[in-house]
Amino acid sequence: MADNEVIYIAIAPPTAPDDNLIRGVADILSRSPCGTRHLIAGGIPRIIAHYDNMQITGHVIQKLHNLGIGCFTCLLSPSACDKEKGAFVP
């Protein structure tokens, strides 16, 4: 992994998250349960966290999988951004 790359974690939100699941995700992400409830609400995948270290990212993903949360990562490097336009270049 190159310097300044950011690894995003996205989840497929559960259809009906219970309080235990919300507290578990909140603990993993070091967020409040209330904020986590809003973060994982809805039926579309969404980015819930970002890290600059693959080892930490892998640890977080494993904990989310242990809770039954489906998740995936995506990587964004500065070279993927057009600095003149300030936009993502696929």
N, C-alpha and C. Protein backbone atom coordinates (compact mmCIF):
# COMPACT_ATOMS: atom_id res chain seq x y z
N MET A 1 0.85 -1.18 0.00
CA MET A 1 0.00 0.00 0.00
C MET A 1 0.89 1.24 0.00
N ALA A 2 0.56 2.20 -0.83
CA ALA A 2 1.35 3.42 -0.95
C ALA A 2 0.96 4.43 0.13
N ASP A 3 1.84 5.40 0.33
CA ASP A 3 1.55 6.46 1.30
C ASP A 3 0.29 7.20 0.90
N ASN A 4 -0.43 7.67 1.88
CA ASN A 4 -1.62 8.50 1.71
C ASN A 4 -2.81 7.78 1.09
N GLU A 5 -2.77 6.45 0.99
CA GLU A 5 -3.94 5.72 0.51
C GLU A 5 -4.92 5.59 1.66
N VAL A 6 -6.18 5.61 1.33
CA VAL A 6 -7.24 5.50 2.33
C VAL A 6 -8.06 4.26 2.00
N ILE A 7 -8.31 3.44 3.00
CA ILE A 7 -9.11 2.23 2.85
C ILE A 7 -10.47 2.49 3.49
N TYR A 8 -11.51 2.39 2.71
CA TYR A 8 -12.87 2.60 3.20
C TYR A 8 -13.52 1.25 3.48
N ILE A 9 -14.30 1.20 4.54
CA ILE A 9 -15.10 0.01 4.85
C ILE A 9 -16.56 0.38 4.61
N ALA A 10 -17.21 -0.42 3.78
CA ALA A 10 -18.63 -0.23 3.51
C ALA A 10 -19.36 -1.49 3.97
N ILE A 11 -20.61 -1.30 4.39
CA ILE A 11 -21.40 -2.44 4.84
C ILE A 11 -22.70 -2.51 4.05
N ALA A 12 -23.24 -3.71 4.04
CA ALA A 12 -24.61 -3.92 3.58
C ALA A 12 -25.45 -3.89 4.86
N PRO A 13 -26.17 -2.81 5.09
CA PRO A 13 -26.88 -2.66 6.37
C PRO A 13 -27.86 -3.80 6.63
N PRO A 14 -27.93 -4.26 7.86
CA PRO A 14 -28.90 -5.30 8.21
C PRO A 14 -30.32 -4.76 8.08
N THR A 15 -31.27 -5.63 7.76
CA THR A 15 -32.65 -5.18 7.56
C THR A 15 -33.30 -4.70 8.84
N ALA A 16 -33.03 -5.35 9.94
CA ALA A 16 -33.63 -4.94 11.21
C ALA A 16 -32.59 -5.06 12.33
N PRO A 17 -31.69 -4.08 12.44
CA PRO A 17 -30.65 -4.20 13.48
C PRO A 17 -31.23 -4.07 14.88
N ASP A 18 -30.87 -5.03 15.74
CA ASP A 18 -31.34 -4.95 17.12
C ASP A 18 -30.34 -4.15 17.95
N ASP A 19 -30.71 -3.87 19.18
CA ASP A 19 -29.86 -3.03 20.05
C ASP A 19 -28.49 -3.65 20.30
N ASN A 20 -28.43 -4.97 20.44
CA ASN A 20 -27.13 -5.63 20.68
C ASN A 20 -26.21 -5.46 19.47
N LEU A 21 -26.75 -5.60 18.28
CA LEU A 21 -25.95 -5.43 17.07
C LEU A 21 -25.46 -3.99 16.95
N ILE A 22 -26.32 -3.05 17.22
CA ILE A 22 -25.95 -1.64 17.14
C ILE A 22 -24.86 -1.32 18.15
N ARG A 23 -25.00 -1.82 19.38
CA ARG A 23 -23.97 -1.60 20.40
C ARG A 23 -22.65 -2.25 19.99
N GLY A 24 -22.72 -3.43 19.40
CA GLY A 24 -21.51 -4.12 18.96
C GLY A 24 -20.77 -3.34 17.87
N VAL A 25 -21.51 -2.86 16.87
CA VAL A 25 -20.90 -2.06 15.81
C VAL A 25 -20.36 -0.75 16.37
N ALA A 26 -21.11 -0.13 17.27
CA ALA A 26 -20.67 1.12 17.89
C ALA A 26 -19.36 0.93 18.64
N ASP A 27 -19.23 -0.18 19.36
CA ASP A 27 -17.99 -0.46 20.09
C ASP A 27 -16.82 -0.65 19.12
N ILE A 28 -17.05 -1.37 18.04
CA ILE A 28 -15.98 -1.63 17.06
C ILE A 28 -15.51 -0.32 16.43
N LEU A 29 -16.46 0.57 16.11
CA LEU A 29 -16.13 1.81 15.42
C LEU A 29 -15.82 2.97 16.37
N SER A 30 -15.93 2.73 17.67
CA SER A 30 -15.73 3.77 18.69
C SER A 30 -16.66 4.96 18.44
N ARG A 31 -17.93 4.64 18.28
CA ARG A 31 -18.97 5.66 18.05
C ARG A 31 -20.08 5.46 19.09
N SER A 32 -20.96 6.43 19.16
CA SER A 32 -22.10 6.29 20.05
C SER A 32 -23.13 5.35 19.42
N PRO A 33 -23.91 4.64 20.24
CA PRO A 33 -24.96 3.79 19.69
C PRO A 33 -25.98 4.57 18.85
N CYS A 34 -26.31 5.77 19.29
CA CYS A 34 -27.29 6.58 18.54
C CYS A 34 -26.75 6.93 17.16
N GLY A 35 -25.51 7.40 17.09
CA GLY A 35 -24.91 7.73 15.82
C GLY A 35 -24.75 6.50 14.93
N THR A 36 -24.44 5.36 15.54
CA THR A 36 -24.28 4.12 14.79
C THR A 36 -25.61 3.67 14.22
N ARG A 37 -26.68 3.82 14.98
CA ARG A 37 -28.02 3.44 14.48
C ARG A 37 -28.32 4.21 13.20
N HIS A 38 -28.05 5.50 13.19
CA HIS A 38 -28.29 6.32 12.00
C HIS A 38 -27.34 5.94 10.87
N LEU A 39 -26.12 5.59 11.22
CA LEU A 39 -25.11 5.23 10.22
C LEU A 39 -25.49 3.96 9.46
N ILE A 40 -26.04 2.98 10.16
CA ILE A 40 -26.34 1.70 9.50
C ILE A 40 -27.81 1.56 9.12
N ALA A 41 -28.59 2.61 9.32
CA ALA A 41 -30.00 2.55 8.93
C ALA A 41 -30.13 2.58 7.41
N GLY A 42 -31.17 1.98 6.92
CA GLY A 42 -31.43 2.01 5.48
C GLY A 42 -31.02 0.72 4.81
N GLY A 43 -31.41 0.57 3.58
CA GLY A 43 -31.17 -0.67 2.88
C GLY A 43 -30.07 -0.64 1.85
N ILE A 44 -29.35 0.47 1.75
CA ILE A 44 -28.30 0.55 0.74
C ILE A 44 -26.92 0.48 1.39
N PRO A 45 -25.95 -0.13 0.71
CA PRO A 45 -24.60 -0.17 1.28
C PRO A 45 -24.07 1.25 1.50
N ARG A 46 -23.30 1.41 2.56
CA ARG A 46 -22.73 2.72 2.83
C ARG A 46 -21.38 2.59 3.52
N ILE A 47 -20.58 3.60 3.31
CA ILE A 47 -19.26 3.65 3.96
C ILE A 47 -19.47 4.01 5.42
N ILE A 48 -18.86 3.22 6.29
CA ILE A 48 -19.02 3.46 7.73
C ILE A 48 -17.72 3.84 8.42
N ALA A 49 -16.58 3.62 7.75
CA ALA A 49 -15.30 3.93 8.39
C ALA A 49 -14.21 4.02 7.33
N HIS A 50 -13.10 4.62 7.71
CA HIS A 50 -11.93 4.66 6.83
C HIS A 50 -10.67 4.63 7.68
N TYR A 51 -9.65 4.00 7.11
CA TYR A 51 -8.38 3.83 7.81
C TYR A 51 -7.24 4.00 6.81
N ASP A 52 -6.05 4.22 7.34
CA ASP A 52 -4.87 4.31 6.47
C ASP A 52 -3.93 3.14 6.71
N ASN A 53 -4.43 2.09 7.35
CA ASN A 53 -3.62 0.94 7.70
C ASN A 53 -4.40 -0.33 7.40
N MET A 54 -3.86 -1.19 6.54
CA MET A 54 -4.56 -2.41 6.14
C MET A 54 -4.74 -3.38 7.31
N GLN A 55 -3.78 -3.42 8.23
CA GLN A 55 -3.88 -4.33 9.37
C GLN A 55 -5.07 -3.94 10.26
N ILE A 56 -5.21 -2.67 10.55
CA ILE A 56 -6.34 -2.20 11.36
C ILE A 56 -7.65 -2.45 10.62
N THR A 57 -7.66 -2.15 9.32
CA THR A 57 -8.86 -2.38 8.52
C THR A 57 -9.28 -3.84 8.57
N GLY A 58 -8.33 -4.74 8.40
CA GLY A 58 -8.64 -6.17 8.46
C GLY A 58 -9.19 -6.59 9.80
N HIS A 59 -8.64 -6.03 10.87
CA HIS A 59 -9.11 -6.33 12.22
C HIS A 59 -10.57 -5.88 12.39
N VAL A 60 -10.89 -4.68 11.93
CA VAL A 60 -12.25 -4.14 12.03
C VAL A 60 -13.21 -5.00 11.20
N ILE A 61 -12.80 -5.36 9.99
CA ILE A 61 -13.66 -6.19 9.14
C ILE A 61 -13.94 -7.53 9.79
N GLN A 62 -12.94 -8.14 10.38
CA GLN A 62 -13.14 -9.43 11.06
C GLN A 62 -14.16 -9.30 12.19
N LYS A 63 -14.06 -8.24 12.97
CA LYS A 63 -15.02 -8.03 14.06
C LYS A 63 -16.43 -7.82 13.52
N LEU A 64 -16.56 -7.06 12.42
CA LEU A 64 -17.89 -6.86 11.82
C LEU A 64 -18.44 -8.17 11.29
N HIS A 65 -17.61 -8.98 10.65
CA HIS A 65 -18.05 -10.29 10.16
C HIS A 65 -18.50 -11.17 11.32
N ASN A 66 -17.79 -11.10 12.45
CA ASN A 66 -18.17 -11.89 13.62
C ASN A 66 -19.55 -11.52 14.13
N LEU A 67 -19.97 -10.27 13.88
CA LEU A 67 -21.31 -9.84 14.27
C LEU A 67 -22.35 -10.19 13.21
N GLY A 68 -21.90 -10.72 12.08
CA GLY A 68 -22.82 -11.07 11.01
C GLY A 68 -23.07 -9.94 10.02
N ILE A 69 -22.22 -8.92 10.04
CA ILE A 69 -22.35 -7.79 9.13
C ILE A 69 -21.56 -8.08 7.86
N GLY A 70 -22.22 -8.00 6.72
CA GLY A 70 -21.52 -8.14 5.44
C GLY A 70 -20.83 -6.83 5.12
N CYS A 71 -19.55 -6.88 4.80
CA CYS A 71 -18.83 -5.65 4.50
C CYS A 71 -17.77 -5.89 3.44
N PHE A 72 -17.29 -4.82 2.87
CA PHE A 72 -16.23 -4.88 1.88
C PHE A 72 -15.41 -3.61 1.97
N THR A 73 -14.26 -3.61 1.33
CA THR A 73 -13.38 -2.45 1.36
C THR A 73 -13.19 -1.89 -0.04
N CYS A 74 -12.82 -0.65 -0.08
CA CYS A 74 -12.37 -0.04 -1.33
C CYS A 74 -11.21 0.88 -0.98
N LEU A 75 -10.31 1.02 -1.93
CA LEU A 75 -9.08 1.76 -1.72
C LEU A 75 -9.07 2.98 -2.61
N LEU A 76 -8.71 4.11 -2.05
CA LEU A 76 -8.58 5.33 -2.83
C LEU A 76 -7.19 5.89 -2.59
N SER A 77 -6.46 6.07 -3.66
CA SER A 77 -5.13 6.65 -3.55
C SER A 77 -5.13 8.04 -4.16
N PRO A 78 -4.23 8.89 -3.72
CA PRO A 78 -4.17 10.24 -4.28
C PRO A 78 -3.99 10.25 -5.79
N SER A 79 -3.34 9.21 -6.33
CA SER A 79 -3.13 9.17 -7.78
C SER A 79 -4.43 8.95 -8.54
N ALA A 80 -5.50 8.53 -7.85
CA ALA A 80 -6.80 8.32 -8.51
C ALA A 80 -7.61 9.61 -8.57
N CYS A 81 -7.09 10.67 -8.03
CA CYS A 81 -7.80 11.94 -8.03
C CYS A 81 -7.17 12.91 -9.01
N ASP A 82 -7.98 13.61 -9.74
CA ASP A 82 -7.52 14.64 -10.65
C ASP A 82 -7.35 15.90 -9.83
N LYS A 83 -6.13 16.27 -9.55
CA LYS A 83 -5.87 17.42 -8.68
C LYS A 83 -6.33 18.73 -9.28
N GLU A 84 -6.34 18.84 -10.62
CA GLU A 84 -6.79 20.09 -11.24
C GLU A 84 -8.29 20.28 -11.10
N LYS A 85 -9.04 19.17 -11.23
CA LYS A 85 -10.50 19.27 -11.15
C LYS A 85 -11.03 18.93 -9.77
N GLY A 86 -10.19 18.33 -8.93
CA GLY A 86 -10.63 17.93 -7.60
C GLY A 86 -11.64 16.82 -7.64
N ALA A 87 -11.56 15.95 -8.66
CA ALA A 87 -12.55 14.89 -8.83
C ALA A 87 -11.87 13.54 -8.91
N PHE A 88 -12.64 12.52 -8.62
CA PHE A 88 -12.17 11.14 -8.73
C PHE A 88 -12.09 10.76 -10.19
N VAL A 89 -10.99 10.11 -10.56
CA VAL A 89 -10.81 9.67 -11.94
C VAL A 89 -10.71 8.15 -11.92
N PRO A 90 -11.70 7.44 -12.44
CA PRO A 90 -11.67 5.97 -12.40
C PRO A 90 -10.60 5.39 -13.30
